C-alpha cells in the first residue's frame, strides 16, 4: 500500500480495535479511568454508551489487555441479539471455550460453577456485552440483572459491563431493578477540532511516521466532514493518504482530503 512511501511500519488508520493506537483525549482518558475504577473496585455493573464509531470497543480492548494480566478473567459477547438462554451459554463459553449446557437450568448451574471456580482461583470474572443496545428481548436484560445476584457476603462474584450506542441508556433505565444495580455510567462523544489534529498525529506517530503528513488544513477538513467520529476519521484519512500516494504527494492538504471525501460519496457531518 503506501507504508513504504512514508516509511511506516503499518497502516495507521485501520478500524481494528488495536489498543496501541488508543488516543487518550480528555474524555477518552476519563472513560478509561472510570472503567479502570469499575474493575479495580470490582463493582457489580457499569454502563458505557456513546455514538457509533466513537471508540468504545477500542477502549474496552485496552482495558481488557490491561486487566487480563492482573488476575481478571473476561467473557465478551459481541453479538447480543440472543435469547436469554443463548446469552447465558455465550457468556459461559467466553470463559471456558468448551462445550456448554443446552438446557436453561443446566446453563445457569454451569455458569455459576464457572464464576465460583474463577473466584476460587483468585481471579475476578468480567462479563462484557458489546453492542448491548441491540438487545431486543427484555428477558435478556432480566437474565443479565440476575447475574448480579451471584455474590458472597462481602463482594460480587462478577462485574458486568454493558456497552453500546446512546439508546442503551434508556433501555437500561427502563428496567428499574437493573438500573438500581448500575454503579457507574460512562458516556463517550466525538472529538473536537484540536483533538482531531492530535488524534491524526498520534496514529501516524504510532505507525512510525517521522514527519508531519497531514497539514493543519487537512486535519481541519477531516474534522469538518467526520464530525469528530474516530471511525470516520480513520476512513477519510486512509483514503486521503491513498490519494496523496497516488499523486506522489508527501503532504496531505485540504484539497486532497476533499477529493478523498468526494470519492467516498459521503456527507457525514452534514
Protein backbone atom coordinates (compact mmCIF):
# COMPACT_ATOMS: atom_id res chain seq x y z
CA UNK A 1 0.00 0.00 0.00
CA UNK A 2 1.50 3.41 0.95
CA UNK A 3 3.53 2.36 4.01
CA UNK A 4 6.83 2.28 2.14
CA UNK A 5 6.15 5.72 0.64
CA UNK A 6 6.12 7.31 4.12
CA UNK A 7 8.32 4.66 5.76
CA UNK A 8 5.55 3.48 8.10
CA UNK A 9 5.64 0.20 10.00
CA UNK A 10 1.94 -0.43 9.45
CA UNK A 11 -1.26 1.18 8.22
CA UNK A 12 -2.15 3.95 10.68
CA UNK A 13 -5.90 4.27 10.14
CA UNK A 14 -7.34 0.78 10.26
CA UNK A 15 -10.58 0.42 12.22
CA UNK A 16 -9.41 -2.71 14.04
CA UNK A 17 -9.53 -2.32 17.87
CA UNK A 18 -5.75 -2.28 18.32
CA UNK A 19 -5.14 -0.90 21.82
CA UNK A 20 -1.76 0.61 20.98
CA UNK A 21 -3.50 3.13 18.71
CA UNK A 22 -5.74 4.40 21.53
CA UNK A 23 -5.68 8.18 21.60
CA UNK A 24 -6.42 9.48 25.08
CA UNK A 25 -8.40 12.65 24.60
CA UNK A 26 -9.65 14.15 27.85
CA UNK A 27 -12.92 12.28 27.59
CA UNK A 28 -11.27 9.02 26.48
CA UNK A 29 -8.83 9.27 29.39
CA UNK A 30 -11.76 9.92 31.74
CA UNK A 31 -13.69 6.95 30.35
CA UNK A 32 -10.61 4.75 30.71
CA UNK A 33 -10.12 5.94 34.29
CA UNK A 34 -13.75 5.20 35.17
CA UNK A 35 -13.65 1.75 33.56
CA UNK A 36 -10.42 1.06 35.44
CA UNK A 37 -12.05 2.05 38.73
CA UNK A 38 -15.12 -0.08 37.95
CA UNK A 39 -12.93 -3.19 37.58
CA UNK A 40 -10.42 -2.46 40.36
CA UNK A 41 -13.25 -1.86 42.84
CA UNK A 42 -15.00 -4.98 41.49
CA UNK A 43 -18.26 -3.08 41.24
CA UNK A 44 -21.23 -5.17 40.05
CA UNK A 45 -22.26 -3.25 36.91
CA UNK A 46 -21.31 -0.38 34.62
CA UNK A 47 -22.97 1.08 31.52
CA UNK A 48 -20.75 2.55 28.79
CA UNK A 49 -22.50 4.45 25.99
CA UNK A 50 -21.50 6.60 23.05
CA UNK A 51 -22.07 7.44 19.43
CA UNK A 52 -21.36 4.76 16.82
CA UNK A 53 -17.67 4.78 15.94
CA UNK A 54 -16.51 6.95 18.87
CA UNK A 55 -14.04 4.35 20.21
CA UNK A 56 -15.92 2.33 22.83
CA UNK A 57 -14.73 -1.06 21.56
CA UNK A 58 -11.13 0.13 21.36
CA UNK A 59 -11.31 1.34 24.97
CA UNK A 60 -12.79 -1.98 26.07
CA UNK A 61 -9.95 -3.84 24.36
CA UNK A 62 -7.41 -1.58 26.06
CA UNK A 63 -8.98 -2.26 29.46
CA UNK A 64 -9.10 -5.99 28.84
CA UNK A 65 -5.47 -6.09 27.76
CA UNK A 66 -4.51 -4.24 30.95
CA UNK A 67 -6.55 -6.32 33.38
CA UNK A 68 -6.07 -9.75 31.79
CA UNK A 69 -2.57 -9.76 33.29
CA UNK A 70 -3.80 -8.64 36.71
CA UNK A 71 -5.99 -11.51 37.82
CA UNK A 72 -9.16 -10.83 35.81
CA UNK A 73 -10.97 -13.26 33.51
CA UNK A 74 -13.08 -11.88 30.64
CA UNK A 75 -16.05 -13.17 28.69
CA UNK A 76 -17.06 -10.82 25.87
CA UNK A 77 -20.25 -11.10 23.83
CA UNK A 78 -20.10 -9.00 20.65
CA UNK A 79 -23.39 -10.09 19.06
CA UNK A 80 -26.02 -9.86 21.79
CA UNK A 81 -29.10 -10.48 19.65
CA UNK A 82 -29.69 -13.72 21.51
CA UNK A 83 -32.33 -15.40 23.60
CA UNK A 84 -31.88 -15.33 27.36
CA UNK A 85 -30.68 -18.95 27.28
CA UNK A 86 -28.22 -18.36 24.46
CA UNK A 87 -26.86 -15.31 26.27
CA UNK A 88 -26.07 -17.48 29.30
CA UNK A 89 -24.46 -20.06 27.04
CA UNK A 90 -22.33 -17.47 25.21
CA UNK A 91 -21.12 -15.95 28.49
CA UNK A 92 -20.15 -19.39 29.79
CA UNK A 93 -18.41 -20.24 26.52
CA UNK A 94 -16.46 -16.99 26.72
CA UNK A 95 -14.94 -18.12 30.00
CA UNK A 96 -14.42 -21.82 29.22
CA UNK A 97 -14.11 -22.06 25.40
CA UNK A 98 -15.61 -25.53 25.84
CA UNK A 99 -18.92 -27.34 25.49
CA UNK A 100 -21.82 -25.60 27.22
CA UNK A 101 -25.14 -26.90 28.53
CA UNK A 102 -28.20 -26.71 26.28
CA UNK A 103 -30.97 -26.61 28.89
CA UNK A 104 -31.57 -23.40 30.83
CA UNK A 105 -31.31 -24.91 34.30
CA UNK A 106 -28.08 -26.67 33.38
CA UNK A 107 -26.74 -23.49 31.76
CA UNK A 108 -27.42 -21.47 34.91
CA UNK A 109 -25.69 -24.06 37.11
CA UNK A 110 -22.75 -24.31 34.71
CA UNK A 111 -22.22 -20.56 34.70
CA UNK A 112 -22.43 -20.37 38.50
CA UNK A 113 -19.81 -23.12 38.77
CA UNK A 114 -17.53 -21.22 36.40
CA UNK A 115 -17.92 -17.96 38.33
CA UNK A 116 -17.24 -19.60 41.69
CA UNK A 117 -14.28 -21.59 40.36
CA UNK A 118 -12.78 -18.46 38.79
CA UNK A 119 -13.07 -16.61 42.11
CA UNK A 120 -11.56 -19.54 43.99
CA UNK A 121 -8.61 -19.38 41.59
CA UNK A 122 -8.07 -15.80 42.73
CA UNK A 123 -9.44 -14.19 39.58
CA UNK A 124 -12.36 -11.79 39.16
CA UNK A 125 -14.76 -12.57 36.27
CA UNK A 126 -15.79 -9.71 33.99
CA UNK A 127 -18.68 -10.07 31.53
CA UNK A 128 -18.65 -7.53 28.70
CA UNK A 129 -21.71 -7.22 26.47
CA UNK A 130 -20.70 -5.05 23.50
CA UNK A 131 -23.36 -3.59 21.18
CA UNK A 132 -25.80 -4.11 24.06
CA UNK A 133 -28.19 -1.55 22.54
CA UNK A 134 -29.03 -4.28 20.00
CA UNK A 135 -30.63 -6.49 22.67
CA UNK A 136 -34.26 -6.76 21.64
CA UNK A 137 -35.68 -9.13 24.23
CA UNK A 138 -36.36 -7.68 27.68
CA UNK A 139 -35.82 -11.19 29.08
CA UNK A 140 -32.14 -10.88 28.19
CA UNK A 141 -31.74 -7.73 30.29
CA UNK A 142 -33.54 -9.51 33.12
CA UNK A 143 -31.19 -12.50 32.84
CA UNK A 144 -28.20 -10.17 32.92
CA UNK A 145 -29.62 -8.50 36.02
CA UNK A 146 -29.95 -11.87 37.70
CA UNK A 147 -26.24 -12.49 37.09
CA UNK A 148 -25.59 -9.71 39.59
CA UNK A 149 -27.11 -11.87 42.31
CA UNK A 150 -24.01 -14.07 42.24
CA UNK A 151 -22.18 -12.76 45.27
CA UNK A 152 -20.73 -13.65 48.63
CA UNK A 153 -21.42 -11.77 51.86
CA UNK A 154 -18.65 -9.32 51.04
CA UNK A 155 -18.41 -8.98 47.25
CA UNK A 156 -19.93 -9.61 43.83
CA UNK A 157 -18.68 -12.68 42.01
CA UNK A 158 -18.50 -10.77 38.72
CA UNK A 159 -18.55 -7.34 37.10
CA UNK A 160 -20.97 -6.77 34.22
CA UNK A 161 -20.14 -4.10 31.61
CA UNK A 162 -22.91 -3.14 29.17
CA UNK A 163 -21.56 -1.14 26.23
CA UNK A 164 -23.42 0.28 23.26
CA UNK A 165 -24.88 3.24 21.47
CA UNK A 166 -26.73 6.02 23.27
CA UNK A 167 -30.12 4.27 23.22
CA UNK A 168 -28.71 1.64 25.59
CA UNK A 169 -29.00 4.12 28.45
CA UNK A 170 -32.79 4.34 28.01
CA UNK A 171 -33.11 0.56 27.73
CA UNK A 172 -31.25 0.05 30.99
CA UNK A 173 -33.18 2.78 32.79
CA UNK A 174 -36.47 1.21 31.68
CA UNK A 175 -35.51 -1.87 33.72
CA UNK A 176 -35.65 -0.28 37.17
CA UNK A 177 -34.18 -3.25 39.03
CA UNK A 178 -31.21 -3.47 36.66
CA UNK A 179 -30.72 0.29 36.72
CA UNK A 180 -30.53 0.21 40.52
CA UNK A 181 -27.58 -2.19 40.30
CA UNK A 182 -25.59 0.06 37.95
CA UNK A 183 -22.79 1.66 39.93
CA UNK A 184 -21.30 3.72 37.10
CA UNK A 185 -22.48 5.23 33.81
CA UNK A 186 -19.89 6.40 31.28
CA UNK A 187 -20.54 8.46 28.15
CA UNK A 188 -18.16 8.94 25.22
CA UNK A 189 -18.67 11.52 22.47
CA UNK A 190 -17.00 12.93 19.38
CA UNK A 191 -13.61 14.66 19.29
CA UNK A 192 -13.29 18.41 18.89
CA UNK A 193 -11.15 20.11 16.23
CA UNK A 194 -7.97 20.26 18.30
CA UNK A 195 -8.41 16.63 19.36
CA UNK A 196 -8.83 15.53 15.74
CA UNK A 197 -5.48 17.13 14.90
CA UNK A 198 -3.87 15.36 17.85
CA UNK A 199 -5.65 12.07 17.04
CA UNK A 200 -4.32 12.03 13.47
CA UNK A 201 -0.79 12.86 14.64
CA UNK A 202 -0.95 10.17 17.35
CA UNK A 203 -2.00 7.40 14.99
CA UNK A 204 0.63 8.36 12.43
CA UNK A 205 3.36 8.52 15.08
CA UNK A 206 2.29 5.13 16.46
CA UNK A 207 2.56 3.68 12.96
CA UNK A 208 6.11 5.03 12.65
CA UNK A 209 5.73 8.39 10.90
CA UNK A 210 8.81 10.57 11.38
CA UNK A 211 7.38 13.70 9.72
CA UNK A 212 4.07 15.56 9.72
CA UNK A 213 1.92 14.11 6.93
CA UNK A 214 -1.43 15.91 7.38
CA UNK A 215 -1.11 19.69 7.48
CA UNK A 216 -3.45 21.63 9.78
CA UNK A 217 -5.82 22.50 6.96
CA UNK A 218 -6.16 18.83 6.07
CA UNK A 219 -6.82 17.84 9.68
CA UNK A 220 -9.45 20.56 9.99
CA UNK A 221 -11.10 19.35 6.79
CA UNK A 222 -11.19 15.83 8.23
CA UNK A 223 -12.85 17.21 11.38
CA UNK A 224 -15.40 19.15 9.35
CA UNK A 225 -16.54 16.13 7.38
CA UNK A 226 -16.21 13.43 10.06
CA UNK A 227 -17.88 15.34 12.87
CA UNK A 228 -15.05 14.13 15.11
CA UNK A 229 -16.09 10.46 15.00
CA UNK A 230 -12.91 8.30 15.06
CA UNK A 231 -14.29 5.59 12.78
CA UNK A 232 -14.97 8.17 10.06
CA UNK A 233 -11.70 9.97 10.72
CA UNK A 234 -9.90 6.69 10.04
CA UNK A 235 -11.80 6.07 6.80
CA UNK A 236 -11.21 9.61 5.50
CA UNK A 237 -7.53 9.70 6.48
CA UNK A 238 -6.88 6.32 4.89
CA UNK A 239 -8.44 7.40 1.59
CA UNK A 240 -6.63 10.77 1.77
CA UNK A 241 -3.27 9.06 2.21
CA UNK A 242 -4.06 6.73 -0.64
CA UNK A 243 -4.89 9.75 -2.83
CA UNK A 244 -1.68 11.53 -1.83
CA UNK A 245 0.32 8.39 -2.53
CA UNK A 246 -1.24 8.02 -5.99
CA UNK A 247 -0.25 11.64 -6.70
CA UNK A 248 3.18 11.17 -5.11
CA UNK A 249 2.46 13.95 -2.63
CA UNK A 250 4.29 13.67 0.68
CA UNK A 251 1.96 16.09 2.48
CA UNK A 252 -1.81 15.71 2.66
CA UNK A 253 -3.60 19.05 2.35
CA UNK A 254 -7.26 20.05 2.47
CA UNK A 255 -7.63 19.63 -1.27
CA UNK A 256 -6.54 16.01 -1.11
CA UNK A 257 -8.96 15.38 1.76
CA UNK A 258 -11.84 16.91 -0.20
CA UNK A 259 -11.06 14.73 -3.22
CA UNK A 260 -10.93 11.66 -1.00
CA UNK A 261 -14.28 12.51 0.58
CA UNK A 262 -15.79 13.10 -2.86
CA UNK A 263 -14.60 9.67 -3.98
CA UNK A 264 -16.22 8.13 -0.92
CA UNK A 265 -19.55 9.85 -1.73
CA UNK A 266 -20.25 10.70 1.90
CA UNK A 267 -21.55 13.70 3.78
CA UNK A 268 -21.09 12.56 7.34
CA UNK A 269 -21.27 15.71 9.39
CA UNK A 270 -23.84 17.44 7.22
